[in-house]
PDB file of all heavy atoms in Angstrom:
ATOM      1  N   TYR A   1      37.209  19.453 179.810  1.00  0.00           N
ATOM      2  CA  TYR A   1      36.292  20.623 180.156  1.00  0.00           C
ATOM      3  C   TYR A   1      36.024  20.668 181.623  1.00  0.00           C
ATOM      4  O   TYR A   1      36.028  21.734 182.225  1.00  0.00           O
ATOM      5  CB  TYR A   1      34.987  20.491 179.352  1.00  0.00           C
ATOM      6  CG  TYR A   1      33.947  21.441 179.805  1.00  0.00           C
ATOM      7  CD1 TYR A   1      33.971  22.758 179.457  1.00  0.00           C
ATOM      8  CD2 TYR A   1      32.864  21.025 180.650  1.00  0.00           C
ATOM      9  CE1 TYR A   1      33.008  23.706 179.835  1.00  0.00           C
ATOM     10  CE2 TYR A   1      31.850  21.880 181.033  1.00  0.00           C
ATOM     11  CZ  TYR A   1      31.968  23.184 180.675  1.00  0.00           C
ATOM     12  OH  TYR A   1      30.950  24.114 181.092  1.00  0.00           O
ATOM     13  N   GLU A   2      35.756  19.537 182.269  1.00  0.00           N
ATOM     14  CA  GLU A   2      35.482  19.474 183.634  1.00  0.00           C
ATOM     15  C   GLU A   2      36.673  19.930 184.521  1.00  0.00           C
ATOM     16  O   GLU A   2      36.533  20.466 185.548  1.00  0.00           O
ATOM     17  CB  GLU A   2      34.980  18.088 184.063  1.00  0.00           C
ATOM     18  CG  GLU A   2      33.625  17.693 183.536  1.00  0.00           C
ATOM     19  CD  GLU A   2      33.198  16.338 183.853  1.00  0.00           C
ATOM     20  OE1 GLU A   2      34.097  15.454 184.139  1.00  0.00           O
ATOM     21  OE2 GLU A   2      31.979  16.036 183.879  1.00  0.00           O
ATOM     22  N   ARG A   3      37.853  19.662 183.953  1.00  0.00           N
ATOM     23  CA  ARG A   3      39.089  20.090 184.658  1.00  0.00           C
ATOM     24  C   ARG A   3      39.451  21.505 184.406  1.00  0.00           C
ATOM     25  O   ARG A   3      39.792  22.251 185.361  1.00  0.00           O
ATOM     26  CB  ARG A   3      40.242  19.139 184.185  1.00  0.00           C
ATOM     27  CG  ARG A   3      41.499  19.396 185.009  1.00  0.00           C
ATOM     28  CD  ARG A   3      42.652  18.502 184.381  1.00  0.00           C
ATOM     29  NE  ARG A   3      42.974  18.990 183.018  1.00  0.00           N
ATOM     30  CZ  ARG A   3      43.127  18.166 181.995  1.00  0.00           C
ATOM     31  NH1 ARG A   3      42.891  16.860 182.085  1.00  0.00           N
ATOM     32  NH2 ARG A   3      43.478  18.666 180.816  1.00  0.00           N
ATOM     33  N   ASP A   4      39.346  21.950 183.203  1.00  0.00           N
ATOM     34  CA  ASP A   4      39.903  23.213 182.789  1.00  0.00           C
ATOM     35  C   ASP A   4      38.839  24.230 182.358  1.00  0.00           C
ATOM     36  O   ASP A   4      39.223  25.412 182.218  1.00  0.00           O
ATOM     37  CB  ASP A   4      40.983  23.061 181.628  1.00  0.00           C
ATOM     38  CG  ASP A   4      42.063  22.136 182.010  1.00  0.00           C
ATOM     39  OD1 ASP A   4      42.433  22.032 183.239  1.00  0.00           O
ATOM     40  OD2 ASP A   4      42.572  21.468 181.128  1.00  0.00           O
ATOM     41  N   GLY A   5      37.691  23.831 182.030  1.00  0.00           N
ATOM     42  CA  GLY A   5      36.658  24.749 181.486  1.00  0.00           C
ATOM     43  C   GLY A   5      36.955  25.105 180.062  1.00  0.00           C
ATOM     44  O   GLY A   5      36.399  25.958 179.466  1.00  0.00           O
ATOM     45  N   SER A   6      37.871  24.296 179.405  1.00  0.00           N
ATOM     46  CA  SER A   6      38.158  24.555 178.039  1.00  0.00           C
ATOM     47  C   SER A   6      38.576  23.195 177.396  1.00  0.00           C
ATOM     48  O   SER A   6      38.763  22.217 178.029  1.00  0.00           O
ATOM     49  CB  SER A   6      39.345  25.552 177.858  1.00  0.00           C
ATOM     50  OG  SER A   6      40.490  25.013 178.498  1.00  0.00           O
ATOM     51  N   ILE A   7      38.715  23.198 176.054  1.00  0.00           N
ATOM     52  CA  ILE A   7      39.173  22.020 175.316  1.00  0.00           C
ATOM     53  C   ILE A   7      40.275  22.452 174.340  1.00  0.00           C
ATOM     54  O   ILE A   7      40.000  23.235 173.447  1.00  0.00           O
ATOM     55  CB  ILE A   7      38.001  21.337 174.544  1.00  0.00           C
ATOM     56  CG1 ILE A   7      36.835  21.013 175.499  1.00  0.00           C
ATOM     57  CG2 ILE A   7      38.487  20.039 173.885  1.00  0.00           C
ATOM     58  CD1 ILE A   7      35.589  20.466 174.806  1.00  0.00           C
ATOM     59  N   CYS A   8      41.457  21.892 174.535  1.00  0.00           N
ATOM     60  CA  CYS A   8      42.560  22.304 173.693  1.00  0.00           C
ATOM     61  C   CYS A   8      42.684  23.782 173.539  1.00  0.00           C
ATOM     62  O   CYS A   8      43.019  24.290 172.440  1.00  0.00           O
ATOM     63  CB  CYS A   8      42.399  21.618 172.293  1.00  0.00           C
ATOM     64  SG  CYS A   8      42.556  19.839 172.262  1.00  0.00           S
ATOM     65  N   GLY A   9      42.527  24.425 174.663  1.00  0.00           N
ATOM     66  CA  GLY A   9      42.722  25.877 174.642  1.00  0.00           C
ATOM     67  C   GLY A   9      41.442  26.708 174.198  1.00  0.00           C
ATOM     68  O   GLY A   9      41.485  27.946 174.285  1.00  0.00           O
ATOM     69  N   VAL A  10      40.453  26.007 173.810  1.00  0.00           N
ATOM     70  CA  VAL A  10      39.132  26.696 173.421  1.00  0.00           C
ATOM     71  C   VAL A  10      38.296  26.818 174.636  1.00  0.00           C
ATOM     72  O   VAL A  10      37.772  25.871 175.151  1.00  0.00           O
ATOM     73  CB  VAL A  10      38.435  25.873 172.261  1.00  0.00           C
ATOM     74  CG1 VAL A  10      37.199  26.640 171.921  1.00  0.00           C
ATOM     75  CG2 VAL A  10      39.340  25.707 171.109  1.00  0.00           C
ATOM     76  N   ALA A  11      38.095  28.043 175.113  1.00  0.00           N
ATOM     77  CA  ALA A  11      37.287  28.290 176.251  1.00  0.00           C
ATOM     78  C   ALA A  11      35.746  28.103 175.915  1.00  0.00           C
ATOM     79  O   ALA A  11      35.312  28.389 174.833  1.00  0.00           O
ATOM     80  CB  ALA A  11      37.475  29.731 176.718  1.00  0.00           C
ATOM     81  N   LEU A  12      35.080  27.425 176.865  1.00  0.00           N
ATOM     82  CA  LEU A  12      33.686  27.188 176.769  1.00  0.00           C
ATOM     83  C   LEU A  12      32.877  27.716 177.867  1.00  0.00           C
ATOM     84  O   LEU A  12      33.416  27.889 179.029  1.00  0.00           O
ATOM     85  CB  LEU A  12      33.451  25.621 176.608  1.00  0.00           C
ATOM     86  CG  LEU A  12      34.056  24.961 175.426  1.00  0.00           C
ATOM     87  CD1 LEU A  12      33.935  23.456 175.506  1.00  0.00           C
ATOM     88  CD2 LEU A  12      33.366  25.435 174.127  1.00  0.00           C
ATOM     89  N   PRO A  13      31.542  27.978 177.714  1.00  0.00           N
ATOM     90  CA  PRO A  13      30.798  28.507 178.804  1.00  0.00           C
ATOM     91  C   PRO A  13      30.713  27.490 180.010  1.00  0.00           C
ATOM     92  O   PRO A  13      30.795  26.309 179.761  1.00  0.00           O
ATOM     93  CB  PRO A  13      29.345  28.622 178.170  1.00  0.00           C
ATOM     94  CG  PRO A  13      29.595  28.638 176.694  1.00  0.00           C
ATOM     95  CD  PRO A  13      30.826  27.807 176.487  1.00  0.00           C
ATOM     96  N   PRO A  14      30.576  28.016 181.175  1.00  0.00           N
ATOM     97  CA  PRO A  14      30.429  27.069 182.319  1.00  0.00           C
ATOM     98  C   PRO A  14      29.049  26.390 182.335  1.00  0.00           C
ATOM     99  O   PRO A  14      28.112  26.839 181.730  1.00  0.00           O
ATOM    100  CB  PRO A  14      30.581  28.094 183.538  1.00  0.00           C
ATOM    101  CG  PRO A  14      30.159  29.372 183.025  1.00  0.00           C
ATOM    102  CD  PRO A  14      30.539  29.395 181.574  1.00  0.00           C
ATOM    103  N   GLY A  15      29.056  25.276 183.057  1.00  0.00           N
ATOM    104  CA  GLY A  15      27.715  24.643 183.298  1.00  0.00           C
ATOM    105  C   GLY A  15      27.303  23.648 182.194  1.00  0.00           C
ATOM    106  O   GLY A  15      26.163  23.163 182.251  1.00  0.00           O
ATOM    107  N   LEU A  16      28.174  23.393 181.170  1.00  0.00           N
ATOM    108  CA  LEU A  16      27.793  22.399 180.193  1.00  0.00           C
ATOM    109  C   LEU A  16      27.704  21.038 180.720  1.00  0.00           C
ATOM    110  O   LEU A  16      28.543  20.665 181.580  1.00  0.00           O
ATOM    111  CB  LEU A  16      28.735  22.498 178.933  1.00  0.00           C
ATOM    112  CG  LEU A  16      28.772  23.801 178.193  1.00  0.00           C
ATOM    113  CD1 LEU A  16      29.816  23.702 177.078  1.00  0.00           C
ATOM    114  CD2 LEU A  16      27.416  24.152 177.595  1.00  0.00           C
ATOM    115  N   GLN A  17      26.846  20.212 180.229  1.00  0.00           N
ATOM    116  CA  GLN A  17      26.701  18.851 180.784  1.00  0.00           C
ATOM    117  C   GLN A  17      27.145  17.787 179.741  1.00  0.00           C
ATOM    118  O   GLN A  17      27.301  18.100 178.579  1.00  0.00           O
ATOM    119  CB  GLN A  17      25.141  18.562 181.049  1.00  0.00           C
ATOM    120  CG  GLN A  17      24.556  19.464 182.099  1.00  0.00           C
ATOM    121  CD  GLN A  17      23.106  19.080 182.380  1.00  0.00           C
ATOM    122  OE1 GLN A  17      22.823  17.963 182.734  1.00  0.00           O
ATOM    123  NE2 GLN A  17      22.167  20.023 182.084  1.00  0.00           N
ATOM    124  N   ARG A  18      27.365  16.578 180.212  1.00  0.00           N
ATOM    125  CA  ARG A  18      27.763  15.508 179.361  1.00  0.00           C
ATOM    126  C   ARG A  18      26.747  15.324 178.190  1.00  0.00           C
ATOM    127  O   ARG A  18      25.556  15.320 178.388  1.00  0.00           O
ATOM    128  CB  ARG A  18      27.771  14.200 180.161  1.00  0.00           C
ATOM    129  CG  ARG A  18      28.169  12.982 179.452  1.00  0.00           C
ATOM    130  CD  ARG A  18      28.209  11.762 180.350  1.00  0.00           C
ATOM    131  NE  ARG A  18      28.817  10.601 179.733  1.00  0.00           N
ATOM    132  CZ  ARG A  18      29.072   9.464 180.303  1.00  0.00           C
ATOM    133  NH1 ARG A  18      28.876   9.360 181.572  1.00  0.00           N
ATOM    134  NH2 ARG A  18      29.598   8.540 179.673  1.00  0.00           N
ATOM    135  N   GLY A  19      27.342  15.246 176.984  1.00  0.00           N
ATOM    136  CA  GLY A  19      26.542  14.990 175.816  1.00  0.00           C
ATOM    137  C   GLY A  19      25.800  16.278 175.299  1.00  0.00           C
ATOM    138  O   GLY A  19      25.077  16.185 174.259  1.00  0.00           O
ATOM    139  N   GLU A  20      26.001  17.407 175.881  1.00  0.00           N
ATOM    140  CA  GLU A  20      25.341  18.586 175.489  1.00  0.00           C
ATOM    141  C   GLU A  20      25.992  19.180 174.223  1.00  0.00           C
ATOM    142  O   GLU A  20      27.216  19.084 173.984  1.00  0.00           O
ATOM    143  CB  GLU A  20      25.383  19.637 176.546  1.00  0.00           C
ATOM    144  CG  GLU A  20      24.584  20.899 176.307  1.00  0.00           C
ATOM    145  CD  GLU A  20      24.462  21.823 177.469  1.00  0.00           C
ATOM    146  OE1 GLU A  20      24.840  21.407 178.591  1.00  0.00           O
ATOM    147  OE2 GLU A  20      23.866  22.904 177.280  1.00  0.00           O
ATOM    148  N   ALA A  21      25.147  19.693 173.293  1.00  0.00           N
ATOM    149  CA  ALA A  21      25.655  20.336 172.068  1.00  0.00           C
ATOM    150  C   ALA A  21      26.396  21.594 172.492  1.00  0.00           C
ATOM    151  O   ALA A  21      25.997  22.374 173.286  1.00  0.00           O
ATOM    152  CB  ALA A  21      24.477  20.677 171.174  1.00  0.00           C
ATOM    153  N   LEU A  22      27.582  21.770 171.876  1.00  0.00           N
ATOM    154  CA  LEU A  22      28.394  22.961 172.158  1.00  0.00           C
ATOM    155  C   LEU A  22      27.674  24.162 171.445  1.00  0.00           C
ATOM    156  O   LEU A  22      26.969  24.004 170.479  1.00  0.00           O
ATOM    157  CB  LEU A  22      29.805  22.791 171.616  1.00  0.00           C
ATOM    158  CG  LEU A  22      30.595  21.617 172.166  1.00  0.00           C
ATOM    159  CD1 LEU A  22      31.922  21.526 171.463  1.00  0.00           C
ATOM    160  CD2 LEU A  22      30.738  21.764 173.638  1.00  0.00           C
ATOM    161  N   PRO A  23      27.971  25.333 171.986  1.00  0.00           N
ATOM    162  CA  PRO A  23      27.362  26.578 171.299  1.00  0.00           C
ATOM    163  C   PRO A  23      27.609  26.640 169.838  1.00  0.00           C
ATOM    164  O   PRO A  23      26.778  27.094 169.039  1.00  0.00           O
ATOM    165  CB  PRO A  23      28.117  27.775 172.066  1.00  0.00           C
ATOM    166  CG  PRO A  23      28.440  27.184 173.403  1.00  0.00           C
ATOM    167  CD  PRO A  23      28.811  25.734 173.144  1.00  0.00           C
ATOM    168  N   GLU A  24      28.770  26.172 169.417  1.00  0.00           N
ATOM    169  CA  GLU A  24      29.139  25.989 167.995  1.00  0.00           C
ATOM    170  C   GLU A  24      30.274  24.936 167.886  1.00  0.00           C
ATOM    171  O   GLU A  24      30.987  24.742 168.853  1.00  0.00           O
ATOM    172  CB  GLU A  24      29.546  27.309 167.371  1.00  0.00           C
ATOM    173  CG  GLU A  24      30.740  27.970 167.968  1.00  0.00           C
ATOM    174  CD  GLU A  24      31.060  29.259 167.242  1.00  0.00           C
ATOM    175  OE1 GLU A  24      30.303  29.736 166.474  1.00  0.00           O
ATOM    176  OE2 GLU A  24      32.209  29.804 167.587  1.00  0.00           O
ATOM    177  N   PRO A  25      30.325  24.227 166.778  1.00  0.00           N
ATOM    178  CA  PRO A  25      31.408  23.280 166.675  1.00  0.00           C
ATOM    179  C   PRO A  25      32.798  23.910 166.882  1.00  0.00           C
ATOM    180  O   PRO A  25      33.027  25.075 166.509  1.00  0.00           O
ATOM    181  CB  PRO A  25      31.309  22.771 165.214  1.00  0.00           C
ATOM    182  CG  PRO A  25      29.888  23.083 164.877  1.00  0.00           C
ATOM    183  CD  PRO A  25      29.538  24.345 165.563  1.00  0.00           C
ATOM    184  N   ILE A  26      33.736  23.169 167.453  1.00  0.00           N
ATOM    185  CA  ILE A  26      35.116  23.697 167.731  1.00  0.00           C
ATOM    186  C   ILE A  26      36.111  22.778 167.088  1.00  0.00           C
ATOM    187  O   ILE A  26      35.839  21.589 166.762  1.00  0.00           O
ATOM    188  CB  ILE A  26      35.364  23.829 169.265  1.00  0.00           C
ATOM    189  CG1 ILE A  26      35.265  22.417 169.960  1.00  0.00           C
ATOM    190  CG2 ILE A  26      34.398  24.814 169.866  1.00  0.00           C
ATOM    191  CD1 ILE A  26      35.695  22.487 171.391  1.00  0.00           C
ATOM    192  N   PHE A  27      37.245  23.294 166.842  1.00  0.00           N
ATOM    193  CA  PHE A  27      38.405  22.607 166.203  1.00  0.00           C
ATOM    194  C   PHE A  27      39.477  22.387 167.271  1.00  0.00           C
ATOM    195  O   PHE A  27      39.928  23.312 167.945  1.00  0.00           O
ATOM    196  CB  PHE A  27      38.988  23.570 165.108  1.00  0.00           C
ATOM    197  CG  PHE A  27      40.216  23.011 164.438  1.00  0.00           C
ATOM    198  CD1 PHE A  27      40.137  21.925 163.513  1.00  0.00           C
ATOM    199  CD2 PHE A  27      41.473  23.567 164.708  1.00  0.00           C
ATOM    200  CE1 PHE A  27      41.246  21.386 162.911  1.00  0.00           C
ATOM    201  CE2 PHE A  27      42.542  23.088 164.070  1.00  0.00           C
ATOM    202  CZ  PHE A  27      42.499  22.008 163.169  1.00  0.00           C
ATOM    203  N   THR A  28      39.793  21.096 167.484  1.00  0.00           N
ATOM    204  CA  THR A  28      40.692  20.744 168.523  1.00  0.00           C
ATOM    205  C   THR A  28      41.810  19.759 167.944  1.00  0.00           C
ATOM    206  O   THR A  28      41.559  18.573 167.898  1.00  0.00           O
ATOM    207  CB  THR A  28      40.064  20.014 169.747  1.00  0.00           C
ATOM    208  OG1 THR A  28      39.325  18.814 169.276  1.00  0.00           O
ATOM    209  CG2 THR A  28      38.946  20.930 170.342  1.00  0.00           C
ATOM    210  N   PRO A  29      42.924  20.299 167.445  1.00  0.00           N
ATOM    211  CA  PRO A  29      43.876  19.499 166.738  1.00  0.00           C
ATOM    212  C   PRO A  29      44.633  18.563 167.689  1.00  0.00           C
ATOM    213  O   PRO A  29      44.716  18.750 168.921  1.00  0.00           O
ATOM    214  CB  PRO A  29      44.795  20.512 166.171  1.00  0.00           C
ATOM    215  CG  PRO A  29      44.724  21.702 166.998  1.00  0.00           C
ATOM    216  CD  PRO A  29      43.304  21.725 167.528  1.00  0.00           C
ATOM    217  N   ALA A  30      45.203  17.513 167.083  1.00  0.00           N
ATOM    218  CA  ALA A  30      46.115  16.609 167.862  1.00  0.00           C
ATOM    219  C   ALA A  30      47.304  16.221 167.014  1.00  0.00           C
ATOM    220  O   ALA A  30      47.212  16.096 165.810  1.00  0.00           O
ATOM    221  CB  ALA A  30      45.347  15.341 168.210  1.00  0.00           C
ATOM    222  N   ALA A  31      48.462  16.235 167.669  1.00  0.00           N
ATOM    223  CA  ALA A  31      49.714  15.874 166.980  1.00  0.00           C
ATOM    224  C   ALA A  31      49.692  14.398 166.799  1.00  0.00           C
ATOM    225  O   ALA A  31      49.509  13.629 167.769  1.00  0.00           O
ATOM    226  CB  ALA A  31      50.897  16.346 167.786  1.00  0.00           C
ATOM    227  N   LYS A  32      49.913  13.899 165.528  1.00  0.00           N
ATOM    228  CA  LYS A  32      49.894  12.474 165.274  1.00  0.00           C
ATOM    229  C   LYS A  32      51.145  11.780 165.834  1.00  0.00           C
ATOM    230  O   LYS A  32      52.200  12.334 165.826  1.00  0.00           O
ATOM    231  CB  LYS A  32      49.830  12.272 163.745  1.00  0.00           C
ATOM    232  CG  LYS A  32      48.521  12.713 163.168  1.00  0.00           C
ATOM    233  CD  LYS A  32      48.595  12.764 161.597  1.00  0.00           C
ATOM    234  CE  LYS A  32      48.814  11.413 161.020  1.00  0.00           C
ATOM    235  NZ  LYS A  32      48.709  11.443 159.559  1.00  0.00           N
TER     236      LYS A  32
END
């Protein structure tokens, strides 16, 4: 998030801090 402003392509609002609750839960898949 600090690098891209997003997580796994999910855009997030600017200014979020470490440990902060996200506006809503997000889905971020990973290839096993």
